[in-house]
C-alpha atoms as a PDB file:
ATOM      1  CA  UNK A   1     -21.563  -1.776   4.928  1.00  0.00           C
ATOM      2  CA  UNK A   2     -18.783  -2.786   2.530  1.00  0.00           C
ATOM      3  CA  UNK A   3     -20.211  -0.507  -0.133  1.00  0.00           C
ATOM      4  CA  UNK A   4     -20.685   2.245   2.459  1.00  0.00           C
ATOM      5  CA  UNK A   5     -16.975   2.264   3.315  1.00  0.00           C
ATOM      6  CA  UNK A   6     -16.021   2.436  -0.366  1.00  0.00           C
ATOM      7  CA  UNK A   7     -18.521   5.189  -1.180  1.00  0.00           C
ATOM      8  CA  UNK A   8     -17.379   7.228   1.831  1.00  0.00           C
ATOM      9  CA  UNK A   9     -13.759   7.159   0.633  1.00  0.00           C
ATOM     10  CA  UNK A  10     -14.712   8.155  -2.918  1.00  0.00           C
ATOM     11  CA  UNK A  11     -16.900  11.040  -1.706  1.00  0.00           C
ATOM     12  CA  UNK A  12     -14.031  12.372   0.405  1.00  0.00           C
ATOM     13  CA  UNK A  13     -11.742  12.344  -2.619  1.00  0.00           C
ATOM     14  CA  UNK A  14     -14.212  14.140  -4.855  1.00  0.00           C
ATOM     15  CA  UNK A  15     -15.308  16.809  -2.378  1.00  0.00           C
ATOM     16  CA  UNK A  16     -11.975  17.321  -0.571  1.00  0.00           C
ATOM     17  CA  UNK A  17     -13.803  18.992   2.311  1.00  0.00           C
ATOM     18  CA  UNK A  18     -12.135  19.230   5.702  1.00  0.00           C
ATOM     19  CA  UNK A  19     -15.295  18.193   7.516  1.00  0.00           C
ATOM     20  CA  UNK A  20     -15.505  15.050   5.417  1.00  0.00           C
ATOM     21  CA  UNK A  21     -11.848  14.284   6.046  1.00  0.00           C
ATOM     22  CA  UNK A  22     -12.448  14.509   9.786  1.00  0.00           C
ATOM     23  CA  UNK A  23     -15.462  12.243   9.416  1.00  0.00           C
ATOM     24  CA  UNK A  24     -13.393   9.722   7.456  1.00  0.00           C
ATOM     25  CA  UNK A  25     -10.790   9.705  10.213  1.00  0.00           C
ATOM     26  CA  UNK A  26     -13.492   8.885  12.765  1.00  0.00           C
ATOM     27  CA  UNK A  27     -15.084   6.222  10.615  1.00  0.00           C
ATOM     28  CA  UNK A  28     -11.872   4.596   9.327  1.00  0.00           C
ATOM     29  CA  UNK A  29     -11.382   2.200  12.220  1.00  0.00           C
ATOM     30  CA  UNK A  30     -15.047   1.163  12.198  1.00  0.00           C
ATOM     31  CA  UNK A  31     -14.983   0.470   8.448  1.00  0.00           C
ATOM     32  CA  UNK A  32     -11.672  -1.330   8.815  1.00  0.00           C
ATOM     33  CA  UNK A  33     -12.919  -3.589  11.580  1.00  0.00           C
ATOM     34  CA  UNK A  34     -16.143  -4.443   9.806  1.00  0.00           C
ATOM     35  CA  UNK A  35     -14.546  -5.101   6.415  1.00  0.00           C
ATOM     36  CA  UNK A  36     -11.585  -7.166   7.547  1.00  0.00           C
ATOM     37  CA  UNK A  37     -13.497  -9.063  10.213  1.00  0.00           C
ATOM     38  CA  UNK A  38     -16.382  -9.857   7.885  1.00  0.00           C
ATOM     39  CA  UNK A  39     -14.283 -11.029   4.961  1.00  0.00           C
ATOM     40  CA  UNK A  40     -11.907 -13.025   7.153  1.00  0.00           C
ATOM     41  CA  UNK A  41     -14.838 -14.896   8.682  1.00  0.00           C
ATOM     42  CA  UNK A  42     -16.376 -15.852   5.359  1.00  0.00           C
ATOM     43  CA  UNK A  43     -15.424 -19.306   4.082  1.00  0.00           C
ATOM     44  CA  UNK A  44     -12.894 -19.189   1.270  1.00  0.00           C
ATOM     45  CA  UNK A  45     -13.634 -20.450  -2.185  1.00  0.00           C
ATOM     46  CA  UNK A  46     -10.424 -22.437  -2.278  1.00  0.00           C
ATOM     47  CA  UNK A  47      -9.299 -23.078   1.285  1.00  0.00           C
ATOM     48  CA  UNK A  48      -6.806 -25.826   1.938  1.00  0.00           C
ATOM     49  CA  UNK A  49      -3.922 -27.228  -0.048  1.00  0.00           C
ATOM     50  CA  UNK A  50      -2.483 -25.182  -2.906  1.00  0.00           C
ATOM     51  CA  UNK A  51      -2.896 -26.539  -6.411  1.00  0.00           C
ATOM     52  CA  UNK A  52       0.697 -25.864  -7.474  1.00  0.00           C
ATOM     53  CA  UNK A  53       4.010 -26.166  -5.726  1.00  0.00           C
ATOM     54  CA  UNK A  54       5.891 -23.001  -4.856  1.00  0.00           C
ATOM     55  CA  UNK A  55       8.294 -22.999  -7.792  1.00  0.00           C
ATOM     56  CA  UNK A  56       8.888 -20.637 -10.696  1.00  0.00           C
ATOM     57  CA  UNK A  57       8.146 -23.421 -13.163  1.00  0.00           C
ATOM     58  CA  UNK A  58       4.675 -23.877 -11.698  1.00  0.00           C
ATOM     59  CA  UNK A  59       3.711 -20.212 -12.096  1.00  0.00           C
ATOM     60  CA  UNK A  60       3.596 -18.792 -15.640  1.00  0.00           C
ATOM     61  CA  UNK A  61       4.574 -15.203 -16.413  1.00  0.00           C
ATOM     62  CA  UNK A  62       1.572 -12.928 -15.825  1.00  0.00           C
ATOM     63  CA  UNK A  63       0.220 -11.043 -18.812  1.00  0.00           C
ATOM     64  CA  UNK A  64       0.291  -7.276 -18.243  1.00  0.00           C
ATOM     65  CA  UNK A  65      -0.722  -4.900 -21.013  1.00  0.00           C
ATOM     66  CA  UNK A  66       2.131  -2.589 -22.000  1.00  0.00           C
ATOM     67  CA  UNK A  67       4.674  -4.483 -19.906  1.00  0.00           C
ATOM     68  CA  UNK A  68       7.333  -7.138 -20.381  1.00  0.00           C
ATOM     69  CA  UNK A  69       8.034  -9.635 -17.603  1.00  0.00           C
ATOM     70  CA  UNK A  70      11.773  -9.969 -17.028  1.00  0.00           C
ATOM     71  CA  UNK A  71      12.076 -12.338 -14.076  1.00  0.00           C
ATOM     72  CA  UNK A  72       9.905 -14.528 -11.874  1.00  0.00           C
ATOM     73  CA  UNK A  73      11.075 -16.456  -8.833  1.00  0.00           C
ATOM     74  CA  UNK A  74       9.253 -18.370  -6.127  1.00  0.00           C
ATOM     75  CA  UNK A  75      10.320 -19.763  -2.762  1.00  0.00           C
ATOM     76  CA  UNK A  76       8.595 -21.144   0.318  1.00  0.00           C
ATOM     77  CA  UNK A  77       8.958 -19.289   3.611  1.00  0.00           C
ATOM     78  CA  UNK A  78       8.033 -21.117   6.801  1.00  0.00           C
ATOM     79  CA  UNK A  79       7.636 -20.097  10.422  1.00  0.00           C
ATOM     80  CA  UNK A  80       8.061 -16.395   9.609  1.00  0.00           C
ATOM     81  CA  UNK A  81       7.663 -14.066  12.583  1.00  0.00           C
ATOM     82  CA  UNK A  82       7.556 -10.280  12.746  1.00  0.00           C
ATOM     83  CA  UNK A  83       6.570  -7.538  15.197  1.00  0.00           C
ATOM     84  CA  UNK A  84       4.523  -4.809  13.524  1.00  0.00           C
ATOM     85  CA  UNK A  85       3.831  -1.337  14.829  1.00  0.00           C
ATOM     86  CA  UNK A  86       0.498   0.374  14.376  1.00  0.00           C
ATOM     87  CA  UNK A  87      -0.003   0.669  10.644  1.00  0.00           C
ATOM     88  CA  UNK A  88      -2.555  -0.148   7.968  1.00  0.00           C
ATOM     89  CA  UNK A  89      -5.793  -1.034   9.741  1.00  0.00           C
ATOM     90  CA  UNK A  90      -4.223  -2.620  12.813  1.00  0.00           C
ATOM     91  CA  UNK A  91      -2.739  -1.819  16.194  1.00  0.00           C
ATOM     92  CA  UNK A  92       0.754  -3.082  17.153  1.00  0.00           C
ATOM     93  CA  UNK A  93       0.792  -6.832  16.708  1.00  0.00           C
ATOM     94  CA  UNK A  94       3.190  -9.772  16.906  1.00  0.00           C
ATOM     95  CA  UNK A  95       2.751 -12.240  14.045  1.00  0.00           C
ATOM     96  CA  UNK A  96       4.306 -15.681  14.334  1.00  0.00           C
ATOM     97  CA  UNK A  97       4.395 -18.926  12.407  1.00  0.00           C
ATOM     98  CA  UNK A  98       3.546 -17.596   8.951  1.00  0.00           C
ATOM     99  CA  UNK A  99       3.996 -20.099   6.112  1.00  0.00           C
ATOM    100  CA  UNK A 100       3.706 -18.653   2.627  1.00  0.00           C
ATOM    101  CA  UNK A 101       4.959 -18.799  -0.933  1.00  0.00           C
ATOM    102  CA  UNK A 102       6.909 -15.662  -1.841  1.00  0.00           C
ATOM    103  CA  UNK A 103       6.661 -14.928  -5.555  1.00  0.00           C
ATOM    104  CA  UNK A 104       8.805 -12.089  -6.903  1.00  0.00           C
ATOM    105  CA  UNK A 105       8.181 -10.589 -10.330  1.00  0.00           C
ATOM    106  CA  UNK A 106      10.330  -8.016 -12.113  1.00  0.00           C
ATOM    107  CA  UNK A 107       9.050  -6.288 -15.232  1.00  0.00           C
ATOM    108  CA  UNK A 108       9.451  -3.183 -17.373  1.00  0.00           C
ATOM    109  CA  UNK A 109       7.394  -0.974 -19.653  1.00  0.00           C
ATOM    110  CA  UNK A 110       9.391  -1.145 -22.893  1.00  0.00           C
ATOM    111  CA  UNK A 111      10.738   2.250 -23.857  1.00  0.00           C
ATOM    112  CA  UNK A 112      10.182   3.720 -20.372  1.00  0.00           C
ATOM    113  CA  UNK A 113      13.517   2.564 -18.929  1.00  0.00           C
ATOM    114  CA  UNK A 114      11.920   1.371 -15.695  1.00  0.00           C
ATOM    115  CA  UNK A 115      12.288  -1.838 -13.687  1.00  0.00           C
ATOM    116  CA  UNK A 116       9.514  -2.587 -11.256  1.00  0.00           C
ATOM    117  CA  UNK A 117       9.590  -5.287  -8.587  1.00  0.00           C
ATOM    118  CA  UNK A 118       6.446  -6.935  -7.272  1.00  0.00           C
ATOM    119  CA  UNK A 119       6.060  -9.339  -4.354  1.00  0.00           C
ATOM    120  CA  UNK A 120       3.114 -11.676  -3.994  1.00  0.00           C
ATOM    121  CA  UNK A 121       2.726 -13.613  -0.744  1.00  0.00           C
ATOM    122  CA  UNK A 122       0.427 -16.649  -0.832  1.00  0.00           C
ATOM    123  CA  UNK A 123      -0.574 -18.589   2.295  1.00  0.00           C
ATOM    124  CA  UNK A 124       0.546 -22.208   2.061  1.00  0.00           C
ATOM    125  CA  UNK A 125      -2.555 -23.231   4.001  1.00  0.00           C
ATOM    126  CA  UNK A 126      -6.032 -21.862   4.661  1.00  0.00           C
ATOM    127  CA  UNK A 127      -6.205 -19.277   1.911  1.00  0.00           C
ATOM    128  CA  UNK A 128      -9.479 -17.437   2.464  1.00  0.00           C
ATOM    129  CA  UNK A 129     -10.169 -17.195  -1.269  1.00  0.00           C
ATOM    130  CA  UNK A 130      -9.493 -13.450  -1.287  1.00  0.00           C
ATOM    131  CA  UNK A 131      -6.812 -11.065  -2.509  1.00  0.00           C
ATOM    132  CA  UNK A 132      -5.438  -7.878  -0.945  1.00  0.00           C
ATOM    133  CA  UNK A 133      -3.464  -5.048  -2.525  1.00  0.00           C
ATOM    134  CA  UNK A 134      -1.248  -3.174  -0.070  1.00  0.00           C
ATOM    135  CA  UNK A 135       0.026   0.393  -0.220  1.00  0.00           C
ATOM    136  CA  UNK A 136       3.068   2.434   0.691  1.00  0.00           C
ATOM    137  CA  UNK A 137       4.012   5.439   2.779  1.00  0.00           C
ATOM    138  CA  UNK A 138       5.739   8.737   2.111  1.00  0.00           C
ATOM    139  CA  UNK A 139       7.555   8.447  -1.198  1.00  0.00           C
ATOM    140  CA  UNK A 140       7.641   4.635  -1.021  1.00  0.00           C
ATOM    141  CA  UNK A 141       5.165   2.828  -3.261  1.00  0.00           C
ATOM    142  CA  UNK A 142       5.157  -0.109  -0.842  1.00  0.00           C
ATOM    143  CA  UNK A 143       5.936  -1.086   2.727  1.00  0.00           C
ATOM    144  CA  UNK A 144       5.607  -4.796   2.048  1.00  0.00           C
ATOM    145  CA  UNK A 145       7.662  -5.872   5.050  1.00  0.00           C
ATOM    146  CA  UNK A 146       4.884  -4.419   7.216  1.00  0.00           C
ATOM    147  CA  UNK A 147       1.773  -4.818   5.103  1.00  0.00           C
ATOM    148  CA  UNK A 148       2.199  -8.272   3.588  1.00  0.00           C
ATOM    149  CA  UNK A 149       2.606 -10.267   6.840  1.00  0.00           C
ATOM    150  CA  UNK A 150      -0.602  -8.795   8.245  1.00  0.00           C
ATOM    151  CA  UNK A 151      -2.595  -9.647   5.130  1.00  0.00           C
ATOM    152  CA  UNK A 152      -1.254 -13.201   4.989  1.00  0.00           C
ATOM    153  CA  UNK A 153      -1.959 -13.706   8.700  1.00  0.00           C
ATOM    154  CA  UNK A 154      -5.640 -13.087   7.897  1.00  0.00           C
ATOM    155  CA  UNK A 155      -5.582 -15.630   5.084  1.00  0.00           C
ATOM    156  CA  UNK A 156      -5.299 -13.267   2.112  1.00  0.00           C
ATOM    157  CA  UNK A 157      -2.966 -13.600  -0.822  1.00  0.00           C
ATOM    158  CA  UNK A 158      -1.372 -10.164  -1.024  1.00  0.00           C
ATOM    159  CA  UNK A 159       0.723  -7.984  -3.327  1.00  0.00           C
ATOM    160  CA  UNK A 160       3.136  -5.067  -2.949  1.00  0.00           C
ATOM    161  CA  UNK A 161       5.030  -3.138  -5.635  1.00  0.00           C
ATOM    162  CA  UNK A 162       8.084  -0.900  -5.338  1.00  0.00           C
ATOM    163  CA  UNK A 163       6.888   1.219  -8.273  1.00  0.00           C
ATOM    164  CA  UNK A 164      10.326   1.075  -9.869  1.00  0.00           C
ATOM    165  CA  UNK A 165      12.292   2.881  -7.166  1.00  0.00           C
ATOM    166  CA  UNK A 166      13.821   2.287  -3.734  1.00  0.00           C
ATOM    167  CA  UNK A 167      11.210   1.886  -0.997  1.00  0.00           C
ATOM    168  CA  UNK A 168      12.542   4.681   1.220  1.00  0.00           C
ATOM    169  CA  UNK A 169       9.624   6.428   2.910  1.00  0.00           C
ATOM    170  CA  UNK A 170      11.332   9.723   3.745  1.00  0.00           C
ATOM    171  CA  UNK A 171      14.520   9.447   1.694  1.00  0.00           C
ATOM    172  CA  UNK A 172      15.748  11.524  -1.189  1.00  0.00           C
ATOM    173  CA  UNK A 173      13.529  11.333  -4.247  1.00  0.00           C
ATOM    174  CA  UNK A 174      16.309  11.538  -6.824  1.00  0.00           C
ATOM    175  CA  UNK A 175      14.493   8.775  -8.691  1.00  0.00           C
ATOM    176  CA  UNK A 176      11.917  11.375  -9.758  1.00  0.00           C
ATOM    177  CA  UNK A 177      14.522  13.166 -11.916  1.00  0.00           C
ATOM    178  CA  UNK A 178      16.368  11.951 -14.961  1.00  0.00           C
ATOM    179  CA  UNK A 179      18.878  14.755 -14.364  1.00  0.00           C
ATOM    180  CA  UNK A 180      18.822  18.034 -12.398  1.00  0.00           C
ATOM    181  CA  UNK A 181      15.739  19.948 -13.456  1.00  0.00           C
ATOM    182  CA  UNK A 182      14.337  17.165 -15.664  1.00  0.00           C
ATOM    183  CA  UNK A 183      11.429  15.052 -14.430  1.00  0.00           C
ATOM    184  CA  UNK A 184      11.345  11.292 -14.829  1.00  0.00           C
ATOM    185  CA  UNK A 185       7.747  11.167 -15.977  1.00  0.00           C
ATOM    186  CA  UNK A 186       7.698   7.394 -16.397  1.00  0.00           C
ATOM    187  CA  UNK A 187       8.625   6.724 -12.757  1.00  0.00           C
ATOM    188  CA  UNK A 188       6.273   9.426 -11.503  1.00  0.00           C
ATOM    189  CA  UNK A 189       3.432   7.811 -13.437  1.00  0.00           C
ATOM    190  CA  UNK A 190       4.431   4.416 -12.029  1.00  0.00           C
ATOM    191  CA  UNK A 191       4.376   5.849  -8.499  1.00  0.00           C
ATOM    192  CA  UNK A 192       1.118   7.706  -9.001  1.00  0.00           C
ATOM    193  CA  UNK A 193      -0.998   5.023 -10.629  1.00  0.00           C
ATOM    194  CA  UNK A 194       0.402   2.743 -13.325  1.00  0.00           C
ATOM    195  CA  UNK A 195       2.368   0.372 -11.064  1.00  0.00           C
ATOM    196  CA  UNK A 196      -0.641   0.042  -8.756  1.00  0.00           C
ATOM    197  CA  UNK A 197      -2.834  -1.226 -11.566  1.00  0.00           C
ATOM    198  CA  UNK A 198      -0.054  -3.529 -12.769  1.00  0.00           C
ATOM    199  CA  UNK A 199       0.410  -4.936  -9.257  1.00  0.00           C
ATOM    200  CA  UNK A 200      -3.268  -5.827  -8.967  1.00  0.00           C
ATOM    201  CA  UNK A 201      -3.164  -7.609 -12.318  1.00  0.00           C
ATOM    202  CA  UNK A 202       0.046  -9.468 -11.459  1.00  0.00           C
ATOM    203  CA  UNK A 203      -1.102 -10.369  -7.944  1.00  0.00           C
ATOM    204  CA  UNK A 204      -4.387 -11.812  -9.131  1.00  0.00           C
ATOM    205  CA  UNK A 205      -2.722 -13.737 -11.964  1.00  0.00           C
ATOM    206  CA  UNK A 206      -0.146 -15.286  -9.631  1.00  0.00           C
ATOM    207  CA  UNK A 207      -2.846 -16.099  -7.084  1.00  0.00           C
ATOM    208  CA  UNK A 208      -4.946 -17.818  -9.738  1.00  0.00           C
ATOM    209  CA  UNK A 209      -1.989 -19.790 -11.072  1.00  0.00           C
ATOM    210  CA  UNK A 210      -0.971 -20.952  -7.617  1.00  0.00           C
ATOM    211  CA  UNK A 211      -4.356 -21.934  -6.201  1.00  0.00           C
ATOM    212  CA  UNK A 212      -6.041 -22.912  -9.440  1.00  0.00           C
ATOM    213  CA  UNK A 213      -8.970 -20.508  -8.927  1.00  0.00           C
ATOM    214  CA  UNK A 214      -9.564 -16.774  -9.109  1.00  0.00           C
ATOM    215  CA  UNK A 215      -9.872 -14.729  -5.901  1.00  0.00           C
ATOM    216  CA  UNK A 216     -13.527 -14.444  -5.007  1.00  0.00           C
ATOM    217  CA  UNK A 217     -13.091 -10.866  -3.777  1.00  0.00           C
ATOM    218  CA  UNK A 218     -10.259  -8.350  -3.923  1.00  0.00           C
ATOM    219  CA  UNK A 219      -9.589  -5.536  -1.454  1.00  0.00           C
ATOM    220  CA  UNK A 220      -7.189  -2.624  -1.079  1.00  0.00           C
ATOM    221  CA  UNK A 221      -5.703  -1.638   2.280  1.00  0.00           C
ATOM    222  CA  UNK A 222      -3.433   1.386   2.687  1.00  0.00           C
ATOM    223  CA  UNK A 223      -2.778   4.458   4.815  1.00  0.00           C
ATOM    224  CA  UNK A 224      -1.226   7.869   4.063  1.00  0.00           C
ATOM    225  CA  UNK A 225       0.401   7.291   0.667  1.00  0.00           C
ATOM    226  CA  UNK A 226      -1.470   3.984   0.735  1.00  0.00           C
ATOM    227  CA  UNK A 227      -4.676   5.953   1.265  1.00  0.00           C
ATOM    228  CA  UNK A 228      -3.902   8.145  -1.727  1.00  0.00           C
ATOM    229  CA  UNK A 229      -3.216   5.017  -3.752  1.00  0.00           C
ATOM    230  CA  UNK A 230      -6.573   3.610  -2.710  1.00  0.00           C
ATOM    231  CA  UNK A 231      -8.286   6.794  -3.876  1.00  0.00           C
ATOM    232  CA  UNK A 232      -6.436   6.541  -7.177  1.00  0.00           C
ATOM    233  CA  UNK A 233      -7.532   2.935  -7.650  1.00  0.00           C
ATOM    234  CA  UNK A 234     -11.152   3.873  -6.978  1.00  0.00           C
ATOM    235  CA  UNK A 235     -11.028   6.726  -9.477  1.00  0.00           C
ATOM    236  CA  UNK A 236      -8.876   5.323 -12.272  1.00  0.00           C
ATOM    237  CA  UNK A 237      -9.129   1.524 -11.957  1.00  0.00           C
ATOM    238  CA  UNK A 238     -12.446   0.883 -10.197  1.00  0.00           C
ATOM    239  CA  UNK A 239     -12.777  -2.681 -11.469  1.00  0.00           C
ATOM    240  CA  UNK A 240      -9.606  -3.944  -9.767  1.00  0.00           C
ATOM    241  CA  UNK A 241     -10.948  -3.998  -6.204  1.00  0.00           C
ATOM    242  CA  UNK A 242     -14.309  -4.817  -4.669  1.00  0.00           C
ATOM    243  CA  UNK A 243     -13.577  -2.754  -1.559  1.00  0.00           C
ATOM    244  CA  UNK A 244     -11.059  -0.072  -0.596  1.00  0.00           C
ATOM    245  CA  UNK A 245      -9.781   1.060   2.797  1.00  0.00           C
ATOM    246  CA  UNK A 246      -8.096   4.416   2.196  1.00  0.00           C
ATOM    247  CA  UNK A 247      -6.811   5.547   5.593  1.00  0.00           C
ATOM    248  CA  UNK A 248      -5.474   9.096   6.148  1.00  0.00           C
ATOM    249  CA  UNK A 249      -5.140   9.649   2.387  1.00  0.00           C
ATOM    250  CA  UNK A 250      -2.232  11.921   1.444  1.00  0.00           C
ATOM    251  CA  UNK A 251      -4.236  14.063  -0.967  1.00  0.00           C
ATOM    252  CA  UNK A 252      -4.773  17.835  -1.311  1.00  0.00           C
ATOM    253  CA  UNK A 253      -1.107  18.236  -2.158  1.00  0.00           C
ATOM    254  CA  UNK A 254      -1.150  22.051  -2.182  1.00  0.00           C
ATOM    255  CA  UNK A 255      -1.888  21.910   1.572  1.00  0.00           C
ATOM    256  CA  UNK A 256       0.044  18.757   2.276  1.00  0.00           C
ATOM    257  CA  UNK A 257       3.304  20.071   0.814  1.00  0.00           C
ATOM    258  CA  UNK A 258       3.074  23.387   2.659  1.00  0.00           C
ATOM    259  CA  UNK A 259       2.350  21.529   5.886  1.00  0.00           C
ATOM    260  CA  UNK A 260       5.442  19.385   5.407  1.00  0.00           C
ATOM    261  CA  UNK A 261       7.644  22.448   4.961  1.00  0.00           C
ATOM    262  CA  UNK A 262       6.082  24.540   7.751  1.00  0.00           C
ATOM    263  CA  UNK A 263       7.905  22.971  10.706  1.00  0.00           C
ATOM    264  CA  UNK A 264      11.281  23.353   8.995  1.00  0.00           C
ATOM    265  CA  UNK A 265      10.530  26.967   8.153  1.00  0.00           C
ATOM    266  CA  UNK A 266       9.682  27.788  11.768  1.00  0.00           C
ATOM    267  CA  UNK A 267      12.793  26.025  13.076  1.00  0.00           C
ATOM    268  CA  UNK A 268      14.970  27.942  10.628  1.00  0.00           C
ATOM    269  CA  UNK A 269      13.380  31.225  11.628  1.00  0.00           C
ATOM    270  CA  UNK A 270      13.941  30.475  15.334  1.00  0.00           C
ATOM    271  CA  UNK A 271      17.361  28.957  14.847  1.00  0.00           C
ATOM    272  CA  UNK A 272      16.235  26.080  17.067  1.00  0.00           C
ATOM    273  CA  UNK A 273      16.320  22.502  15.856  1.00  0.00           C
ATOM    274  CA  UNK A 274      16.364  20.167  18.876  1.00  0.00           C
ATOM    275  CA  UNK A 275      13.828  21.346  21.425  1.00  0.00           C
ATOM    276  CA  UNK A 276      13.394  19.349  24.589  1.00  0.00           C
ATOM    277  CA  UNK A 277       9.996  18.880  26.235  1.00  0.00           C
ATOM    278  CA  UNK A 278      10.561  21.648  28.798  1.00  0.00           C
ATOM    279  CA  UNK A 279      11.487  24.127  26.089  1.00  0.00           C
ATOM    280  CA  UNK A 280       8.436  23.165  24.092  1.00  0.00           C
ATOM    281  CA  UNK A 281       6.133  23.617  27.082  1.00  0.00           C
ATOM    282  CA  UNK A 282       7.527  26.998  28.118  1.00  0.00           C
ATOM    283  CA  UNK A 283       8.314  28.520  24.743  1.00  0.00           C
ATOM    284  CA  UNK A 284       6.746  26.543  21.937  1.00  0.00           C
ATOM    285  CA  UNK A 285       3.131  27.507  22.570  1.00  0.00           C
ATOM    286  CA  UNK A 286       3.984  31.208  22.895  1.00  0.00           C
ATOM    287  CA  UNK A 287       5.905  30.968  19.641  1.00  0.00           C
ATOM    288  CA  UNK A 288       2.930  29.286  17.992  1.00  0.00           C
ATOM    289  CA  UNK A 289       0.523  31.991  19.134  1.00  0.00           C
ATOM    290  CA  UNK A 290       2.757  34.805  17.869  1.00  0.00           C
ATOM    291  CA  UNK A 291       3.357  33.221  14.471  1.00  0.00           C
ATOM    292  CA  UNK A 292      -0.354  32.620  13.931  1.00  0.00           C
END
């Protein structure tokens, strides 16, 4: 079943057929439940007390090809609580009493003028022996404040990367330009793929240094942009993860971009920007039928 979920996601990416996308949407929750429930229930390879203390001196700089580590810090966080809305592979949930080691790594690709920040959260107790990469949303490479607590609550060590720019899901994407009309190719490549591969390498290295053993299995969990990132990992870096949950992947950008602009175009044409429910019910559907 684990392989079935992974193969299904890869087939959707390669075929890009609407019927397959609908099928993926129907199957996503089933695959999610089976994968996360199954792996959480398995005994961890290194459950129990961590090998190293949660300090920067106890965790060496990870080795990342083509990158230079600039900073590494580590601090213990205890009794962390957070309320999460429906997001990557879970319904709304209240998480309480999390104890974890928060390792932050900053690095750069020399000559690219980028600075990328990575967070790795490691359960202080009852690590399940597994590692999880987490994705972003919109134009944010990560939503770690939402994705990391959930992963740690299930016993995973987990990683998130900002891809070298501010994690603002629907904010301005000025980071993608070096100047008006000139694309920042380095940051776009970080956002698209490079930082995702780096994060997996860094997360696994930190996990191994902290617990004294490699993760037995590694998984990816993401939705929307996180789904696209999961597809990218399967295509470009297939050896990084043993299983991938790619929910609602933001692919087929020719359609996706037009869809994002469509609502604004219609509102501009109508000169209406704040419709109440009554207006929508009495006018919106007639407008929709005439425009189609």
